[in-house]
């Protein structure tokens, strides 16, 4: 369940704008928090752990889950390796 802090952060992103997922492999430590928090991963498997780093394998699923996903992947990344860039 989303905390009020997470809801506040997601509310700062306009709902009509889509964000492309990007992972900085230099910063990614492969913890999987982004994958565990991802609504579309649970349905379609948009993220995968490969060679110790997270990789986006289904960008379309990520885009389709927005904005209801509340962008938890980016918020939970401890090394700030996961970024959402405006499309």
Foldseek 3Di string as FASTA:
>chain_A
DDDVVLVVQLVVDDQVWFWFKAFQQVQFQLPCQLLVLDPLCVVPNQWDQDPRGIDGNCRVSRRVCPPVSSNVSQVPRPRSRIDTHTD
